[in-house]
PDB file of N, CA and C in Angstrom:
ATOM      1  N   MET A   1      42.458  42.768 -52.483  1.00  0.00           N
ATOM      2  CA  MET A   1      41.263  42.342 -52.257  1.00  0.00           C
ATOM      3  C   MET A   1      40.668  43.611 -51.980  1.00  0.00           C
ATOM      4  N   ALA A   2      38.786  43.646 -52.362  1.00  0.00           N
ATOM      5  CA  ALA A   2      38.546  45.075 -52.340  1.00  0.00           C
ATOM      6  C   ALA A   2      37.593  45.096 -51.828  1.00  0.00           C
ATOM      7  N   VAL A   3      36.933  45.919 -51.014  1.00  0.00           N
ATOM      8  CA  VAL A   3      35.211  45.782 -50.271  1.00  0.00           C
ATOM      9  C   VAL A   3      34.465  46.723 -50.843  1.00  0.00           C
ATOM     10  N   VAL A   4      33.227  46.478 -51.531  1.00  0.00           N
ATOM     11  CA  VAL A   4      32.788  47.250 -52.407  1.00  0.00           C
ATOM     12  C   VAL A   4      31.229  47.850 -51.670  1.00  0.00           C
ATOM     13  N   THR A   5      30.360  48.865 -51.999  1.00  0.00           N
ATOM     14  CA  THR A   5      29.260  49.073 -51.363  1.00  0.00           C
ATOM     15  C   THR A   5      28.661  50.197 -52.125  1.00  0.00           C
ATOM     16  N   ASP A   6      27.374  50.279 -52.194  1.00  0.00           N
ATOM     17  CA  ASP A   6      26.637  50.861 -53.312  1.00  0.00           C
ATOM     18  C   ASP A   6      25.690  51.773 -52.335  1.00  0.00           C
ATOM     19  N   PRO A   7      25.622  53.070 -51.701  1.00  0.00           N
ATOM     20  CA  PRO A   7      24.631  53.387 -51.075  1.00  0.00           C
ATOM     21  C   PRO A   7      23.964  54.459 -52.368  1.00  0.00           C
ATOM     22  N   HIS A   8      22.732  54.783 -51.907  1.00  0.00           N
ATOM     23  CA  HIS A   8      22.214  55.915 -52.787  1.00  0.00           C
ATOM     24  C   HIS A   8      22.999  57.045 -52.880  1.00  0.00           C
ATOM     25  N   PRO A   9      22.942  57.526 -54.118  1.00  0.00           N
ATOM     26  CA  PRO A   9      23.930  58.908 -54.037  1.00  0.00           C
ATOM     27  C   PRO A   9      23.088  59.929 -53.457  1.00  0.00           C
ATOM     28  N   THR A  10      22.247  60.345 -52.685  1.00  0.00           N
ATOM     29  CA  THR A  10      21.597  61.398 -52.220  1.00  0.00           C
ATOM     30  C   THR A  10      21.899  61.181 -50.918  1.00  0.00           C
ATOM     31  N   ASN A  11      22.347  59.664 -50.694  1.00  0.00           N
ATOM     32  CA  ASN A  11      22.837  59.252 -48.720  1.00  0.00           C
ATOM     33  C   ASN A  11      24.035  60.206 -48.322  1.00  0.00           C
ATOM     34  N   ALA A  12      23.499  61.342 -47.903  1.00  0.00           N
ATOM     35  CA  ALA A  12      25.300  62.196 -48.016  1.00  0.00           C
ATOM     36  C   ALA A  12      25.722  61.499 -46.637  1.00  0.00           C
ATOM     37  N   PRO A  13      24.921  61.161 -45.487  1.00  0.00           N
ATOM     38  CA  PRO A  13      25.719  60.599 -44.016  1.00  0.00           C
ATOM     39  C   PRO A  13      26.514  59.516 -44.502  1.00  0.00           C
ATOM     40  N   ALA A  14      25.902  58.552 -45.237  1.00  0.00           N
ATOM     41  CA  ALA A  14      26.192  57.178 -45.315  1.00  0.00           C
ATOM     42  C   ALA A  14      27.405  57.442 -46.136  1.00  0.00           C
ATOM     43  N   ILE A  15      27.562  58.403 -47.376  1.00  0.00           N
ATOM     44  CA  ILE A  15      28.825  58.832 -48.242  1.00  0.00           C
ATOM     45  C   ILE A  15      29.885  59.204 -47.590  1.00  0.00           C
ATOM     46  N   ARG A  16      29.416  60.202 -46.604  1.00  0.00           N
ATOM     47  CA  ARG A  16      30.666  60.704 -45.819  1.00  0.00           C
ATOM     48  C   ARG A  16      31.575  59.962 -44.760  1.00  0.00           C
ATOM     49  N   ALA A  17      30.763  58.720 -44.283  1.00  0.00           N
ATOM     50  CA  ALA A  17      30.899  57.474 -43.068  1.00  0.00           C
ATOM     51  C   ALA A  17      32.084  56.927 -44.020  1.00  0.00           C
ATOM     52  N   TYR A  18      31.487  56.336 -45.292  1.00  0.00           N
ATOM     53  CA  TYR A  18      32.366  55.626 -46.053  1.00  0.00           C
ATOM     54  C   TYR A  18      33.544  56.144 -46.421  1.00  0.00           C
ATOM     55  N   GLU A  19      33.665  57.490 -46.724  1.00  0.00           N
ATOM     56  CA  GLU A  19      35.006  58.239 -47.000  1.00  0.00           C
ATOM     57  C   GLU A  19      35.486  57.927 -46.009  1.00  0.00           C
ATOM     58  N   LYS A  20      35.221  58.162 -44.736  1.00  0.00           N
ATOM     59  CA  LYS A  20      36.314  58.315 -43.582  1.00  0.00           C
ATOM     60  C   LYS A  20      36.818  56.956 -43.455  1.00  0.00           C
ATOM     61  N   ALA A  21      36.072  55.798 -43.767  1.00  0.00           N
ATOM     62  CA  ALA A  21      36.584  54.715 -43.463  1.00  0.00           C
ATOM     63  C   ALA A  21      37.267  54.093 -45.217  1.00  0.00           C
ATOM     64  N   SER A  22      37.377  55.024 -45.505  1.00  0.00           N
ATOM     65  CA  SER A  22      38.666  54.984 -46.922  1.00  0.00           C
ATOM     66  C   SER A  22      37.962  54.583 -48.346  1.00  0.00           C
ATOM     67  N   PHE A  23      36.640  54.523 -48.368  1.00  0.00           N
ATOM     68  CA  PHE A  23      35.914  54.262 -49.248  1.00  0.00           C
ATOM     69  C   PHE A  23      36.579  55.513 -50.093  1.00  0.00           C
ATOM     70  N   ILE A  24      36.886  54.841 -51.653  1.00  0.00           N
ATOM     71  CA  ILE A  24      36.426  56.054 -52.716  1.00  0.00           C
ATOM     72  C   ILE A  24      35.525  55.508 -53.655  1.00  0.00           C
ATOM     73  N   PRO A  25      34.525  56.839 -54.320  1.00  0.00           N
ATOM     74  CA  PRO A  25      33.430  56.935 -55.044  1.00  0.00           C
ATOM     75  C   PRO A  25      33.967  56.496 -55.981  1.00  0.00           C
ATOM     76  N   TYR A  26      33.267  55.603 -56.918  1.00  0.00           N
ATOM     77  CA  TYR A  26      33.761  55.395 -58.458  1.00  0.00           C
ATOM     78  C   TYR A  26      32.918  55.676 -59.609  1.00  0.00           C
ATOM     79  N   VAL A  27      31.896  55.264 -59.542  1.00  0.00           N
ATOM     80  CA  VAL A  27      31.021  55.459 -60.410  1.00  0.00           C
ATOM     81  C   VAL A  27      29.458  55.450 -60.031  1.00  0.00           C
ATOM     82  N   GLU A  28      28.342  56.521 -60.574  1.00  0.00           N
ATOM     83  CA  GLU A  28      27.238  56.533 -60.285  1.00  0.00           C
ATOM     84  C   GLU A  28      26.193  55.412 -61.362  1.00  0.00           C
ATOM     85  N   GLY A  29      25.303  54.379 -60.640  1.00  0.00           N
ATOM     86  CA  GLY A  29      24.702  53.271 -61.902  1.00  0.00           C
ATOM     87  C   GLY A  29      23.165  53.827 -61.441  1.00  0.00           C
ATOM     88  N   ASN A  30      22.422  52.790 -62.400  1.00  0.00           N
ATOM     89  CA  ASN A  30      21.007  52.896 -62.269  1.00  0.00           C
ATOM     90  C   ASN A  30      20.262  51.507 -62.498  1.00  0.00           C
ATOM     91  N   HIS A  31      20.225  50.838 -61.496  1.00  0.00           N
ATOM     92  CA  HIS A  31      19.485  49.846 -61.930  1.00  0.00           C
ATOM     93  C   HIS A  31      18.241  49.637 -62.084  1.00  0.00           C
ATOM     94  N   PRO A  32      17.981  48.874 -63.007  1.00  0.00           N
ATOM     95  CA  PRO A  32      16.133  48.955 -63.302  1.00  0.00           C
ATOM     96  C   PRO A  32      15.225  48.340 -61.991  1.00  0.00           C
ATOM     97  N   GLN A  33      15.967  47.324 -61.134  1.00  0.00           N
ATOM     98  CA  GLN A  33      15.091  46.582 -59.704  1.00  0.00           C
ATOM     99  C   GLN A  33      15.395  47.742 -58.839  1.00  0.00           C
ATOM    100  N   TRP A  34      16.651  47.951 -58.740  1.00  0.00           N
ATOM    101  CA  TRP A  34      17.096  48.545 -57.387  1.00  0.00           C
ATOM    102  C   TRP A  34      17.364  50.502 -57.843  1.00  0.00           C
ATOM    103  N   GLY A  35      17.168  50.951 -58.624  1.00  0.00           N
ATOM    104  CA  GLY A  35      17.408  52.265 -58.447  1.00  0.00           C
ATOM    105  C   GLY A  35      18.533  52.709 -58.351  1.00  0.00           C
ATOM    106  N   ARG A  36      19.107  54.181 -58.302  1.00  0.00           N
ATOM    107  CA  ARG A  36      20.126  54.647 -58.592  1.00  0.00           C
ATOM    108  C   ARG A  36      21.417  54.047 -57.550  1.00  0.00           C
ATOM    109  N   SER A  37      22.301  53.849 -57.554  1.00  0.00           N
ATOM    110  CA  SER A  37      23.387  53.861 -56.712  1.00  0.00           C
ATOM    111  C   SER A  37      24.853  54.320 -56.841  1.00  0.00           C
ATOM    112  N   LEU A  38      25.413  54.667 -56.148  1.00  0.00           N
ATOM    113  CA  LEU A  38      26.806  55.098 -56.315  1.00  0.00           C
ATOM    114  C   LEU A  38      28.000  54.023 -55.639  1.00  0.00           C
ATOM    115  N   LEU A  39      28.594  53.404 -56.843  1.00  0.00           N
ATOM    116  CA  LEU A  39      29.492  52.676 -56.418  1.00  0.00           C
ATOM    117  C   LEU A  39      30.809  53.003 -55.586  1.00  0.00           C
ATOM    118  N   MET A  40      31.718  52.354 -54.332  1.00  0.00           N
ATOM    119  CA  MET A  40      32.150  52.857 -53.379  1.00  0.00           C
ATOM    120  C   MET A  40      33.103  52.001 -53.196  1.00  0.00           C
ATOM    121  N   ALA A  41      34.468  51.752 -53.683  1.00  0.00           N
ATOM    122  CA  ALA A  41      35.400  50.795 -52.955  1.00  0.00           C
ATOM    123  C   ALA A  41      36.870  51.179 -52.215  1.00  0.00           C
ATOM    124  N   CYS A  42      37.108  50.032 -51.515  1.00  0.00           N
ATOM    125  CA  CYS A  42      38.158  50.374 -50.348  1.00  0.00           C
ATOM    126  C   CYS A  42      39.215  48.939 -50.593  1.00  0.00           C
ATOM    127  N   THR A  43      40.326  49.731 -50.989  1.00  0.00           N
ATOM    128  CA  THR A  43      41.284  48.355 -51.184  1.00  0.00           C
ATOM    129  C   THR A  43      42.102  48.383 -50.201  1.00  0.00           C
ATOM    130  N   ARG A  44      42.319  48.704 -49.278  1.00  0.00           N
ATOM    131  CA  ARG A  44      43.427  48.782 -48.422  1.00  0.00           C
ATOM    132  C   ARG A  44      43.561  47.515 -47.679  1.00  0.00           C
TER     133      ARG A  44
END
């Protein structure tokens, strides 16, 4: 089982918080409607 989130890549406070909660960044994407995002997942 995995939990996935997608904060904006420039949202450093959110990325740090997710990393503290054991999320790992995987890939940065760019969706035409919603813009840039950093895909992060936690599999524990």
